[in-house]
Amino acid sequence: MNDLGKLAKAPGPCYIVGDFNLNFMHNPQDQLIKKILSNGFKPIVSEPIHIAGSLLDHVYVKRVSQEPKIALNLLYYSDH
């Protein structure tokens, strides 16, 4: 988590993207999620992306010039 502080202080745009296997919908107070948010990153994905209503794939941004747009193009929910 120390590297997160370095990313947060960098001067340019920053994206944190990945399958964290942390469910933002059910546990937004997870230690890692809280650390990301407390460093000024903004979550972009806010809709469930998993068949069980979970949000495991995270996208956070900081210092971006335009608000990124997310489009979920799923014909159906999958189990991953």
PDB file of N, CA and C in Angstrom:
ATOM      1  N   MET A   1       0.806  -1.196   0.000  1.00  0.00           N
ATOM      2  CA  MET A   1       0.000   0.000   0.000  1.00  0.00           C
ATOM      3  C   MET A   1       0.850   1.263   0.000  1.00  0.00           C
ATOM      4  N   ASN A   2       2.132   1.133   0.313  1.00  0.00           N
ATOM      5  CA  ASN A   2       3.001   2.301   0.290  1.00  0.00           C
ATOM      6  C   ASN A   2       3.118   2.877  -1.110  1.00  0.00           C
ATOM      7  N   ASP A   3       3.133   2.007  -2.118  1.00  0.00           N
ATOM      8  CA  ASP A   3       3.228   2.481  -3.491  1.00  0.00           C
ATOM      9  C   ASP A   3       2.001   3.282  -3.902  1.00  0.00           C
ATOM     10  N   LEU A   4       0.867   3.004  -3.278  1.00  0.00           N
ATOM     11  CA  LEU A   4      -0.349   3.755  -3.577  1.00  0.00           C
ATOM     12  C   LEU A   4      -0.156   5.228  -3.240  1.00  0.00           C
ATOM     13  N   GLY A   5       0.510   5.521  -2.148  1.00  0.00           N
ATOM     14  CA  GLY A   5       0.790   6.902  -1.793  1.00  0.00           C
ATOM     15  C   GLY A   5       1.652   7.592  -2.830  1.00  0.00           C
ATOM     16  N   LYS A   6       2.609   6.871  -3.392  1.00  0.00           N
ATOM     17  CA  LYS A   6       3.463   7.432  -4.446  1.00  0.00           C
ATOM     18  C   LYS A   6       2.648   7.724  -5.699  1.00  0.00           C
ATOM     19  N   LEU A   7       1.752   6.804  -6.066  1.00  0.00           N
ATOM     20  CA  LEU A   7       0.871   7.037  -7.210  1.00  0.00           C
ATOM     21  C   LEU A   7      -0.016   8.258  -6.979  1.00  0.00           C
ATOM     22  N   ALA A   8      -0.532   8.367  -5.785  1.00  0.00           N
ATOM     23  CA  ALA A   8      -1.455   9.463  -5.462  1.00  0.00           C
ATOM     24  C   ALA A   8      -0.772  10.817  -5.537  1.00  0.00           C
ATOM     25  N   LYS A   9       0.535  10.868  -5.282  1.00  0.00           N
ATOM     26  CA  LYS A   9       1.261  12.134  -5.289  1.00  0.00           C
ATOM     27  C   LYS A   9       1.858  12.487  -6.646  1.00  0.00           C
ATOM     28  N   ALA A  10       1.849  11.538  -7.572  1.00  0.00           N
ATOM     29  CA  ALA A  10       2.417  11.781  -8.902  1.00  0.00           C
ATOM     30  C   ALA A  10       1.647  12.900  -9.597  1.00  0.00           C
ATOM     31  N   PRO A  11       2.301  13.682 -10.448  1.00  0.00           N
ATOM     32  CA  PRO A  11       1.649  14.857 -11.041  1.00  0.00           C
ATOM     33  C   PRO A  11       0.664  14.555 -12.168  1.00  0.00           C
ATOM     34  N   GLY A  12       0.803  13.443 -12.851  1.00  0.00           N
ATOM     35  CA  GLY A  12      -0.034  13.177 -14.022  1.00  0.00           C
ATOM     36  C   GLY A  12      -1.281  12.379 -13.704  1.00  0.00           C
ATOM     37  N   PRO A  13      -2.084  12.122 -14.742  1.00  0.00           N
ATOM     38  CA  PRO A  13      -3.286  11.303 -14.569  1.00  0.00           C
ATOM     39  C   PRO A  13      -2.919   9.909 -14.081  1.00  0.00           C
ATOM     40  N   CYS A  14      -3.787   9.327 -13.309  1.00  0.00           N
ATOM     41  CA  CYS A  14      -3.515   8.008 -12.764  1.00  0.00           C
ATOM     42  C   CYS A  14      -4.787   7.170 -12.795  1.00  0.00           C
ATOM     43  N   TYR A  15      -4.637   5.928 -13.233  1.00  0.00           N
ATOM     44  CA  TYR A  15      -5.731   4.968 -13.277  1.00  0.00           C
ATOM     45  C   TYR A  15      -5.328   3.745 -12.475  1.00  0.00           C
ATOM     46  N   ILE A  16      -6.226   3.250 -11.665  1.00  0.00           N
ATOM     47  CA  ILE A  16      -6.046   1.972 -10.976  1.00  0.00           C
ATOM     48  C   ILE A  16      -7.163   1.076 -11.499  1.00  0.00           C
ATOM     49  N   VAL A  17      -6.779  -0.030 -12.120  1.00  0.00           N
ATOM     50  CA  VAL A  17      -7.750  -0.893 -12.796  1.00  0.00           C
ATOM     51  C   VAL A  17      -7.432  -2.339 -12.466  1.00  0.00           C
ATOM     52  N   GLY A  18      -8.444  -3.117 -12.151  1.00  0.00           N
ATOM     53  CA  GLY A  18      -8.190  -4.537 -11.969  1.00  0.00           C
ATOM     54  C   GLY A  18      -9.325  -5.287 -11.321  1.00  0.00           C
ATOM     55  N   ASP A  19      -9.200  -6.595 -11.356  1.00  0.00           N
ATOM     56  CA  ASP A  19     -10.111  -7.502 -10.672  1.00  0.00           C
ATOM     57  C   ASP A  19      -9.526  -7.708  -9.281  1.00  0.00           C
ATOM     58  N   PHE A  20     -10.057  -6.993  -8.319  1.00  0.00           N
ATOM     59  CA  PHE A  20      -9.499  -7.017  -6.964  1.00  0.00           C
ATOM     60  C   PHE A  20     -10.052  -8.161  -6.120  1.00  0.00           C
ATOM     61  N   ASN A  21     -11.128  -8.804  -6.592  1.00  0.00           N
ATOM     62  CA  ASN A  21     -11.840  -9.803  -5.794  1.00  0.00           C
ATOM     63  C   ASN A  21     -12.286  -9.232  -4.456  1.00  0.00           C
ATOM     64  N   LEU A  22     -12.535  -7.943  -4.448  1.00  0.00           N
ATOM     65  CA  LEU A  22     -13.139  -7.245  -3.311  1.00  0.00           C
ATOM     66  C   LEU A  22     -14.466  -6.693  -3.812  1.00  0.00           C
ATOM     67  N   ASN A  23     -15.531  -7.003  -3.112  1.00  0.00           N
ATOM     68  CA  ASN A  23     -16.848  -6.591  -3.565  1.00  0.00           C
ATOM     69  C   ASN A  23     -17.184  -5.190  -3.066  1.00  0.00           C
ATOM     70  N   PHE A  24     -17.025  -4.214  -3.942  1.00  0.00           N
ATOM     71  CA  PHE A  24     -17.304  -2.821  -3.591  1.00  0.00           C
ATOM     72  C   PHE A  24     -18.763  -2.621  -3.203  1.00  0.00           C
ATOM     73  N   MET A  25     -19.677  -3.405  -3.807  1.00  0.00           N
ATOM     74  CA  MET A  25     -21.110  -3.257  -3.529  1.00  0.00           C
ATOM     75  C   MET A  25     -21.454  -3.707  -2.112  1.00  0.00           C
ATOM     76  N   HIS A  26     -20.794  -4.745  -1.615  1.00  0.00           N
ATOM     77  CA  HIS A  26     -21.120  -5.292  -0.301  1.00  0.00           C
ATOM     78  C   HIS A  26     -20.166  -4.856   0.805  1.00  0.00           C
ATOM     79  N   ASN A  27     -18.976  -4.404   0.433  1.00  0.00           N
ATOM     80  CA  ASN A  27     -18.007  -4.008   1.452  1.00  0.00           C
ATOM     81  C   ASN A  27     -17.191  -2.804   0.994  1.00  0.00           C
ATOM     82  N   PRO A  28     -17.834  -1.633   0.859  1.00  0.00           N
ATOM     83  CA  PRO A  28     -17.081  -0.447   0.422  1.00  0.00           C
ATOM     84  C   PRO A  28     -16.090   0.049   1.483  1.00  0.00           C
ATOM     85  N   GLN A  29     -16.138  -0.530   2.667  1.00  0.00           N
ATOM     86  CA  GLN A  29     -15.237  -0.117   3.741  1.00  0.00           C
ATOM     87  C   GLN A  29     -14.015  -1.026   3.856  1.00  0.00           C
ATOM     88  N   ASP A  30     -13.793  -1.886   2.863  1.00  0.00           N
ATOM     89  CA  ASP A  30     -12.597  -2.726   2.864  1.00  0.00           C
ATOM     90  C   ASP A  30     -11.359  -1.839   2.988  1.00  0.00           C
ATOM     91  N   GLN A  31     -10.346  -2.325   3.676  1.00  0.00           N
ATOM     92  CA  GLN A  31      -9.140  -1.537   3.949  1.00  0.00           C
ATOM     93  C   GLN A  31      -8.484  -1.008   2.673  1.00  0.00           C
ATOM     94  N   LEU A  32      -8.358  -1.834   1.641  1.00  0.00           N
ATOM     95  CA  LEU A  32      -7.723  -1.393   0.397  1.00  0.00           C
ATOM     96  C   LEU A  32      -8.584  -0.345  -0.313  1.00  0.00           C
ATOM     97  N   ILE A  33      -9.876  -0.583  -0.380  1.00  0.00           N
ATOM     98  CA  ILE A  33     -10.780   0.386  -1.020  1.00  0.00           C
ATOM     99  C   ILE A  33     -10.745   1.718  -0.277  1.00  0.00           C
ATOM    100  N   LYS A  34     -10.790   1.672   1.041  1.00  0.00           N
ATOM    101  CA  LYS A  34     -10.722   2.909   1.830  1.00  0.00           C
ATOM    102  C   LYS A  34      -9.422   3.656   1.564  1.00  0.00           C
ATOM    103  N   LYS A  35      -8.316   2.921   1.434  1.00  0.00           N
ATOM    104  CA  LYS A  35      -7.013   3.549   1.185  1.00  0.00           C
ATOM    105  C   LYS A  35      -7.000   4.229  -0.181  1.00  0.00           C
ATOM    106  N   ILE A  36      -7.535   3.561  -1.195  1.00  0.00           N
ATOM    107  CA  ILE A  36      -7.596   4.139  -2.535  1.00  0.00           C
ATOM    108  C   ILE A  36      -8.430   5.412  -2.513  1.00  0.00           C
ATOM    109  N   LEU A  37      -9.607   5.346  -1.918  1.00  0.00           N
ATOM    110  CA  LEU A  37     -10.503   6.505  -1.876  1.00  0.00           C
ATOM    111  C   LEU A  37      -9.909   7.646  -1.049  1.00  0.00           C
ATOM    112  N   SER A  38      -9.237   7.321   0.044  1.00  0.00           N
ATOM    113  CA  SER A  38      -8.676   8.367   0.906  1.00  0.00           C
ATOM    114  C   SER A  38      -7.496   9.076   0.237  1.00  0.00           C
ATOM    115  N   ASN A  39      -6.934   8.476  -0.808  1.00  0.00           N
ATOM    116  CA  ASN A  39      -5.855   9.107  -1.562  1.00  0.00           C
ATOM    117  C   ASN A  39      -6.377   9.915  -2.742  1.00  0.00           C
ATOM    118  N   GLY A  40      -7.686  10.151  -2.771  1.00  0.00           N
ATOM    119  CA  GLY A  40      -8.261  11.033  -3.772  1.00  0.00           C
ATOM    120  C   GLY A  40      -8.685  10.385  -5.072  1.00  0.00           C
ATOM    121  N   PHE A  41      -8.633   9.062  -5.149  1.00  0.00           N
ATOM    122  CA  PHE A  41      -9.080   8.381  -6.351  1.00  0.00           C
ATOM    123  C   PHE A  41     -10.598   8.283  -6.352  1.00  0.00           C
ATOM    124  N   LYS A  42     -11.174   8.375  -7.536  1.00  0.00           N
ATOM    125  CA  LYS A  42     -12.616   8.329  -7.692  1.00  0.00           C
ATOM    126  C   LYS A  42     -12.998   7.018  -8.381  1.00  0.00           C
ATOM    127  N   PRO A  43     -13.973   6.265  -7.801  1.00  0.00           N
ATOM    128  CA  PRO A  43     -14.412   5.043  -8.478  1.00  0.00           C
ATOM    129  C   PRO A  43     -15.253   5.388  -9.700  1.00  0.00           C
ATOM    130  N   ILE A  44     -15.043   4.671 -10.784  1.00  0.00           N
ATOM    131  CA  ILE A  44     -15.776   4.921 -12.025  1.00  0.00           C
ATOM    132  C   ILE A  44     -16.881   3.896 -12.231  1.00  0.00           C
ATOM    133  N   VAL A  45     -16.605   2.626 -11.983  1.00  0.00           N
ATOM    134  CA  VAL A  45     -17.620   1.587 -12.148  1.00  0.00           C
ATOM    135  C   VAL A  45     -18.491   1.564 -10.896  1.00  0.00           C
ATOM    136  N   SER A  46     -19.793   1.703 -11.080  1.00  0.00           N
ATOM    137  CA  SER A  46     -20.693   1.736  -9.930  1.00  0.00           C
ATOM    138  C   SER A  46     -21.851   0.755 -10.046  1.00  0.00           C
ATOM    139  N   GLU A  47     -21.863  -0.021 -11.106  1.00  0.00           N
ATOM    140  CA  GLU A  47     -22.922  -1.004 -11.326  1.00  0.00           C
ATOM    141  C   GLU A  47     -22.373  -2.411 -11.072  1.00  0.00           C
ATOM    142  N   PRO A  48     -23.208  -3.319 -10.588  1.00  0.00           N
ATOM    143  CA  PRO A  48     -22.752  -4.704 -10.440  1.00  0.00           C
ATOM    144  C   PRO A  48     -22.343  -5.285 -11.788  1.00  0.00           C
ATOM    145  N   ILE A  49     -21.291  -6.090 -11.780  1.00  0.00           N
ATOM    146  CA  ILE A  49     -20.813  -6.709 -13.013  1.00  0.00           C
ATOM    147  C   ILE A  49     -20.764  -8.233 -12.879  1.00  0.00           C
ATOM    148  N   HIS A  50     -21.287  -8.747 -11.798  1.00  0.00           N
ATOM    149  CA  HIS A  50     -21.226 -10.172 -11.511  1.00  0.00           C
ATOM    150  C   HIS A  50     -22.639 -10.699 -11.326  1.00  0.00           C
ATOM    151  N   ILE A  51     -22.845 -11.975 -11.651  1.00  0.00           N
ATOM    152  CA  ILE A  51     -24.169 -12.584 -11.583  1.00  0.00           C
ATOM    153  C   ILE A  51     -24.800 -12.459 -10.192  1.00  0.00           C
ATOM    154  N   ALA A  52     -23.990 -12.421  -9.155  1.00  0.00           N
ATOM    155  CA  ALA A  52     -24.499 -12.314  -7.788  1.00  0.00           C
ATOM    156  C   ALA A  52     -24.698 -10.861  -7.348  1.00  0.00           C
ATOM    157  N   GLY A  53     -24.555  -9.920  -8.275  1.00  0.00           N
ATOM    158  CA  GLY A  53     -24.733  -8.512  -7.936  1.00  0.00           C
ATOM    159  C   GLY A  53     -23.489  -7.875  -7.344  1.00  0.00           C
ATOM    160  N   SER A  54     -22.348  -8.451  -7.611  1.00  0.00           N
ATOM    161  CA  SER A  54     -21.089  -7.957  -7.049  1.00  0.00           C
ATOM    162  C   SER A  54     -20.372  -7.035  -8.018  1.00  0.00           C
ATOM    163  N   LEU A  55     -19.496  -6.238  -7.462  1.00  0.00           N
ATOM    164  CA  LEU A  55     -18.617  -5.387  -8.262  1.00  0.00           C
ATOM    165  C   LEU A  55     -17.192  -5.737  -7.867  1.00  0.00           C
ATOM    166  N   LEU A  56     -16.569  -6.618  -8.640  1.00  0.00           N
ATOM    167  CA  LEU A  56     -15.217  -7.093  -8.343  1.00  0.00           C
ATOM    168  C   LEU A  56     -14.162  -6.429  -9.213  1.00  0.00           C
ATOM    169  N   ASP A  57     -14.564  -5.943 -10.384  1.00  0.00           N
ATOM    170  CA  ASP A  57     -13.635  -5.298 -11.314  1.00  0.00           C
ATOM    171  C   ASP A  57     -13.678  -3.797 -11.071  1.00  0.00           C
ATOM    172  N   HIS A  58     -12.592  -3.264 -10.591  1.00  0.00           N
ATOM    173  CA  HIS A  58     -12.549  -1.878 -10.141  1.00  0.00           C
ATOM    174  C   HIS A  58     -11.811  -0.988 -11.131  1.00  0.00           C
ATOM    175  N   VAL A  59     -12.280   0.265 -11.220  1.00  0.00           N
ATOM    176  CA  VAL A  59     -11.593   1.301 -11.991  1.00  0.00           C
ATOM    177  C   VAL A  59     -11.646   2.576 -11.151  1.00  0.00           C
ATOM    178  N   TYR A  60     -10.477   3.112 -10.831  1.00  0.00           N
ATOM    179  CA  TYR A  60     -10.368   4.358 -10.066  1.00  0.00           C
ATOM    180  C   TYR A  60      -9.517   5.331 -10.873  1.00  0.00           C
ATOM    181  N   VAL A  61      -9.839   6.599 -10.790  1.00  0.00           N
ATOM    182  CA  VAL A  61      -9.069   7.609 -11.516  1.00  0.00           C
ATOM    183  C   VAL A  61      -8.734   8.773 -10.601  1.00  0.00           C
ATOM    184  N   LYS A  62      -7.670   9.469 -11.003  1.00  0.00           N
ATOM    185  CA  LYS A  62      -7.265  10.692 -10.302  1.00  0.00           C
ATOM    186  C   LYS A  62      -6.542  11.581 -11.306  1.00  0.00           C
ATOM    187  N   ARG A  63      -6.835  12.858 -11.258  1.00  0.00           N
ATOM    188  CA  ARG A  63      -6.209  13.863 -12.122  1.00  0.00           C
ATOM    189  C   ARG A  63      -6.405  13.559 -13.611  1.00  0.00           C
ATOM    190  N   VAL A  64      -7.598  13.209 -14.003  1.00  0.00           N
ATOM    191  CA  VAL A  64      -7.877  12.992 -15.423  1.00  0.00           C
ATOM    192  C   VAL A  64      -8.550  14.243 -15.974  1.00  0.00           C
ATOM    193  N   SER A  65      -8.251  14.566 -17.231  1.00  0.00           N
ATOM    194  CA  SER A  65      -8.777  15.800 -17.817  1.00  0.00           C
ATOM    195  C   SER A  65     -10.244  15.677 -18.204  1.00  0.00           C
ATOM    196  N   GLN A  66     -10.682  14.490 -18.533  1.00  0.00           N
ATOM    197  CA  GLN A  66     -12.088  14.270 -18.856  1.00  0.00           C
ATOM    198  C   GLN A  66     -12.605  13.086 -18.059  1.00  0.00           C
ATOM    199  N   GLU A  67     -13.861  13.173 -17.660  1.00  0.00           N
ATOM    200  CA  GLU A  67     -14.495  12.086 -16.923  1.00  0.00           C
ATOM    201  C   GLU A  67     -14.594  10.852 -17.826  1.00  0.00           C
ATOM    202  N   PRO A  68     -13.958   9.749 -17.453  1.00  0.00           N
ATOM    203  CA  PRO A  68     -14.072   8.536 -18.272  1.00  0.00           C
ATOM    204  C   PRO A  68     -15.511   8.031 -18.282  1.00  0.00           C
ATOM    205  N   LYS A  69     -15.912   7.445 -19.391  1.00  0.00           N
ATOM    206  CA  LYS A  69     -17.246   6.871 -19.509  1.00  0.00           C
ATOM    207  C   LYS A  69     -17.114   5.359 -19.560  1.00  0.00           C
ATOM    208  N   ILE A  70     -17.921   4.706 -18.770  1.00  0.00           N
ATOM    209  CA  ILE A  70     -17.924   3.252 -18.702  1.00  0.00           C
ATOM    210  C   ILE A  70     -19.200   2.749 -19.352  1.00  0.00           C
ATOM    211  N   ALA A  71     -19.070   1.758 -20.191  1.00  0.00           N
ATOM    212  CA  ALA A  71     -20.228   1.115 -20.798  1.00  0.00           C
ATOM    213  C   ALA A  71     -20.104  -0.385 -20.592  1.00  0.00           C
ATOM    214  N   LEU A  72     -21.067  -0.947 -19.912  1.00  0.00           N
ATOM    215  CA  LEU A  72     -21.097  -2.393 -19.731  1.00  0.00           C
ATOM    216  C   LEU A  72     -21.940  -2.972 -20.851  1.00  0.00           C
ATOM    217  N   ASN A  73     -21.307  -3.682 -21.741  1.00  0.00           N
ATOM    218  CA  ASN A  73     -21.992  -4.248 -22.897  1.00  0.00           C
ATOM    219  C   ASN A  73     -22.173  -5.744 -22.715  1.00  0.00           C
ATOM    220  N   LEU A  74     -22.928  -6.093 -21.719  1.00  0.00           N
ATOM    221  CA  LEU A  74     -23.169  -7.502 -21.447  1.00  0.00           C
ATOM    222  C   LEU A  74     -24.578  -7.874 -21.899  1.00  0.00           C
ATOM    223  N   LEU A  75     -24.674  -8.972 -22.598  1.00  0.00           N
ATOM    224  CA  LEU A  75     -25.998  -9.464 -22.955  1.00  0.00           C
ATOM    225  C   LEU A  75     -26.662 -10.121 -21.761  1.00  0.00           C
ATOM    226  N   TYR A  76     -25.875 -10.588 -20.833  1.00  0.00           N
ATOM    227  CA  TYR A  76     -26.348 -11.235 -19.619  1.00  0.00           C
ATOM    228  C   TYR A  76     -25.230 -11.176 -18.592  1.00  0.00           C
ATOM    229  N   TYR A  77     -25.576 -11.316 -17.345  1.00  0.00           N
ATOM    230  CA  TYR A  77     -24.557 -11.397 -16.319  1.00  0.00           C
ATOM    231  C   TYR A  77     -23.907 -12.773 -16.356  1.00  0.00           C
ATOM    232  N   SER A  78     -22.648 -12.818 -16.080  1.00  0.00           N
ATOM    233  CA  SER A  78     -21.958 -14.105 -16.012  1.00  0.00           C
ATOM    234  C   SER A  78     -21.473 -14.310 -14.595  1.00  0.00           C
ATOM    235  N   ASP A  79     -20.865 -15.448 -14.375  1.00  0.00           N
ATOM    236  CA  ASP A  79     -20.297 -15.667 -13.045  1.00  0.00           C
ATOM    237  C   ASP A  79     -18.861 -15.196 -12.968  1.00  0.00           C
ATOM    238  N   HIS A  80     -18.383 -14.569 -14.093  1.00  0.00           N
ATOM    239  CA  HIS A  80     -17.098 -13.866 -14.090  1.00  0.00           C
ATOM    240  C   HIS A  80     -16.618 -13.618 -15.476  1.00  0.00           C
TER     241      HIS A  80
END
